[in-house]
Amino acid sequence: MQLRHDPAQRRDVALIPKGGHLRDGRCANALIRARTTDIGEGGALYEERVRIEPDEGGS
């Protein structure tokens, strides 16, 4: 995944553009856990903790 730093954004938030296909590796759903909400048992979307680390290969 490519990362772009934006100093105008909060330090504790990572934004991912909406859209793209999972088969192309361009979908935020690849990063979220499958779980249900505590109200109504719907899909829990739009909030997931992530940790960003540098690529060890240097790319």
N, C-alpha and C. Protein backbone atom coordinates (compact mmCIF):
# COMPACT_ATOMS: atom_id res chain seq x y z
N MET A 1 0.84 -1.17 0.00
CA MET A 1 0.00 0.00 0.00
C MET A 1 0.89 1.24 0.00
N GLN A 2 0.55 2.22 -0.78
CA GLN A 2 1.28 3.48 -0.78
C GLN A 2 0.71 4.38 0.30
N LEU A 3 1.59 5.14 0.90
CA LEU A 3 1.19 6.06 1.97
C LEU A 3 1.61 7.47 1.58
N ARG A 4 0.71 8.41 1.80
CA ARG A 4 1.02 9.82 1.54
C ARG A 4 0.74 10.58 2.82
N HIS A 5 1.72 11.30 3.30
CA HIS A 5 1.56 12.09 4.52
C HIS A 5 0.90 13.42 4.18
N ASP A 6 -0.11 13.79 4.97
CA ASP A 6 -0.80 15.06 4.80
C ASP A 6 -0.77 15.77 6.15
N PRO A 7 0.07 16.79 6.32
CA PRO A 7 0.19 17.46 7.61
C PRO A 7 -1.11 18.15 8.06
N ALA A 8 -2.08 18.31 7.16
CA ALA A 8 -3.35 18.94 7.53
C ALA A 8 -4.28 17.97 8.26
N GLN A 9 -3.99 16.66 8.18
CA GLN A 9 -4.83 15.66 8.83
C GLN A 9 -4.37 15.40 10.27
N ARG A 10 -5.29 14.89 11.07
CA ARG A 10 -4.93 14.52 12.45
C ARG A 10 -3.91 13.39 12.44
N ARG A 11 -3.04 13.36 13.43
CA ARG A 11 -1.99 12.35 13.51
C ARG A 11 -2.54 10.96 13.82
N ASP A 12 -3.72 10.88 14.40
CA ASP A 12 -4.28 9.58 14.79
C ASP A 12 -5.30 9.04 13.79
N VAL A 13 -5.28 9.54 12.56
CA VAL A 13 -6.25 9.13 11.55
C VAL A 13 -5.53 8.74 10.27
N ALA A 14 -5.92 7.60 9.69
CA ALA A 14 -5.45 7.19 8.37
C ALA A 14 -6.67 7.17 7.46
N LEU A 15 -6.61 7.86 6.35
CA LEU A 15 -7.74 7.93 5.42
C LEU A 15 -7.46 7.05 4.21
N ILE A 16 -8.49 6.33 3.78
CA ILE A 16 -8.39 5.49 2.59
C ILE A 16 -9.50 5.93 1.65
N PRO A 17 -9.17 6.24 0.38
CA PRO A 17 -10.21 6.64 -0.56
C PRO A 17 -11.25 5.55 -0.75
N LYS A 18 -12.49 5.95 -0.92
CA LYS A 18 -13.59 5.01 -1.15
C LYS A 18 -13.49 4.47 -2.58
N GLY A 19 -13.83 3.22 -2.73
CA GLY A 19 -13.87 2.61 -4.05
C GLY A 19 -12.73 1.63 -4.26
N GLY A 20 -12.67 1.07 -5.42
CA GLY A 20 -11.67 0.07 -5.75
C GLY A 20 -12.21 -1.34 -5.52
N HIS A 21 -11.53 -2.32 -6.07
CA HIS A 21 -11.97 -3.71 -5.97
C HIS A 21 -11.01 -4.51 -5.11
N LEU A 22 -11.56 -5.39 -4.30
CA LEU A 22 -10.75 -6.25 -3.44
C LEU A 22 -9.79 -7.09 -4.27
N ARG A 23 -10.24 -7.57 -5.42
CA ARG A 23 -9.38 -8.42 -6.25
C ARG A 23 -8.13 -7.69 -6.74
N ASP A 24 -8.19 -6.35 -6.77
CA ASP A 24 -7.05 -5.55 -7.19
C ASP A 24 -6.24 -5.03 -6.01
N GLY A 25 -6.63 -5.41 -4.79
CA GLY A 25 -5.94 -4.94 -3.60
C GLY A 25 -6.19 -3.47 -3.32
N ARG A 26 -7.32 -2.94 -3.79
CA ARG A 26 -7.61 -1.52 -3.65
C ARG A 26 -8.91 -1.30 -2.89
N CYS A 27 -9.10 -2.07 -1.84
CA CYS A 27 -10.36 -2.00 -1.10
C CYS A 27 -10.06 -1.99 0.40
N ALA A 28 -10.64 -1.03 1.10
CA ALA A 28 -10.43 -0.94 2.55
C ALA A 28 -10.95 -2.17 3.29
N ASN A 29 -11.87 -2.91 2.68
CA ASN A 29 -12.39 -4.11 3.34
C ASN A 29 -11.31 -5.15 3.60
N ALA A 30 -10.20 -5.09 2.89
CA ALA A 30 -9.10 -6.02 3.12
C ALA A 30 -8.44 -5.77 4.47
N LEU A 31 -8.66 -4.59 5.06
CA LEU A 31 -8.01 -4.22 6.32
C LEU A 31 -8.91 -4.37 7.53
N ILE A 32 -10.22 -4.48 7.34
CA ILE A 32 -11.12 -4.47 8.49
C ILE A 32 -11.50 -5.88 8.93
N ARG A 33 -11.78 -6.01 10.19
CA ARG A 33 -12.25 -7.28 10.75
C ARG A 33 -13.74 -7.43 10.45
N ALA A 34 -14.16 -8.64 10.19
CA ALA A 34 -15.59 -8.91 10.02
C ALA A 34 -16.23 -8.99 11.40
N ARG A 35 -17.10 -8.05 11.70
CA ARG A 35 -17.79 -8.05 12.98
C ARG A 35 -19.11 -7.29 12.83
N THR A 36 -19.99 -7.48 13.80
CA THR A 36 -21.28 -6.81 13.75
C THR A 36 -21.33 -5.71 14.80
N THR A 37 -22.24 -4.77 14.59
CA THR A 37 -22.41 -3.68 15.54
C THR A 37 -23.15 -4.16 16.78
N ASP A 38 -23.06 -3.39 17.83
CA ASP A 38 -23.78 -3.74 19.05
C ASP A 38 -25.25 -3.35 18.97
N ILE A 39 -25.62 -2.56 17.99
CA ILE A 39 -27.02 -2.15 17.81
C ILE A 39 -27.49 -2.65 16.45
N GLY A 40 -28.40 -3.57 16.42
CA GLY A 40 -29.00 -4.02 15.18
C GLY A 40 -28.25 -5.08 14.42
N GLU A 41 -27.09 -5.50 14.90
CA GLU A 41 -26.29 -6.54 14.28
C GLU A 41 -26.01 -6.30 12.80
N GLY A 42 -25.75 -5.03 12.44
CA GLY A 42 -25.33 -4.70 11.09
C GLY A 42 -23.81 -4.81 10.98
N GLY A 43 -23.29 -4.56 9.81
CA GLY A 43 -21.85 -4.60 9.61
C GLY A 43 -21.17 -3.37 10.20
N ALA A 44 -20.10 -3.59 10.96
CA ALA A 44 -19.33 -2.49 11.55
C ALA A 44 -18.35 -1.98 10.50
N LEU A 45 -18.56 -0.74 10.08
CA LEU A 45 -17.75 -0.16 9.00
C LEU A 45 -17.14 1.16 9.44
N TYR A 46 -16.14 1.60 8.69
CA TYR A 46 -15.55 2.94 8.79
C TYR A 46 -14.68 3.20 10.01
N GLU A 47 -14.39 2.21 10.81
CA GLU A 47 -13.49 2.45 11.93
C GLU A 47 -12.71 1.18 12.25
N GLU A 48 -11.41 1.27 12.11
CA GLU A 48 -10.54 0.14 12.40
C GLU A 48 -9.18 0.67 12.83
N ARG A 49 -8.64 0.11 13.88
CA ARG A 49 -7.30 0.51 14.32
C ARG A 49 -6.26 -0.08 13.37
N VAL A 50 -5.27 0.73 13.02
CA VAL A 50 -4.18 0.27 12.16
C VAL A 50 -2.85 0.74 12.74
N ARG A 51 -1.80 0.04 12.39
CA ARG A 51 -0.45 0.47 12.74
C ARG A 51 0.34 0.52 11.44
N ILE A 52 0.94 1.63 11.17
CA ILE A 52 1.69 1.83 9.94
C ILE A 52 3.18 1.67 10.25
N GLU A 53 3.82 0.77 9.53
CA GLU A 53 5.24 0.49 9.72
C GLU A 53 5.96 0.64 8.39
N PRO A 54 7.23 1.03 8.40
CA PRO A 54 7.99 1.13 7.16
C PRO A 54 8.24 -0.26 6.56
N ASP A 55 8.35 -0.30 5.24
CA ASP A 55 8.64 -1.52 4.53
C ASP A 55 10.10 -1.89 4.79
N GLU A 56 10.34 -3.09 5.26
CA GLU A 56 11.72 -3.54 5.56
C GLU A 56 12.56 -3.66 4.29
N GLY A 57 11.90 -3.83 3.15
CA GLY A 57 12.62 -3.94 1.89
C GLY A 57 13.06 -2.61 1.32
N GLY A 58 12.59 -1.51 1.92
CA GLY A 58 12.98 -0.19 1.48
C GLY A 58 12.25 0.31 0.25
N SER A 59 11.17 -0.37 -0.16
CA SER A 59 10.45 0.08 -1.35
C SER A 59 9.26 0.91 -1.00
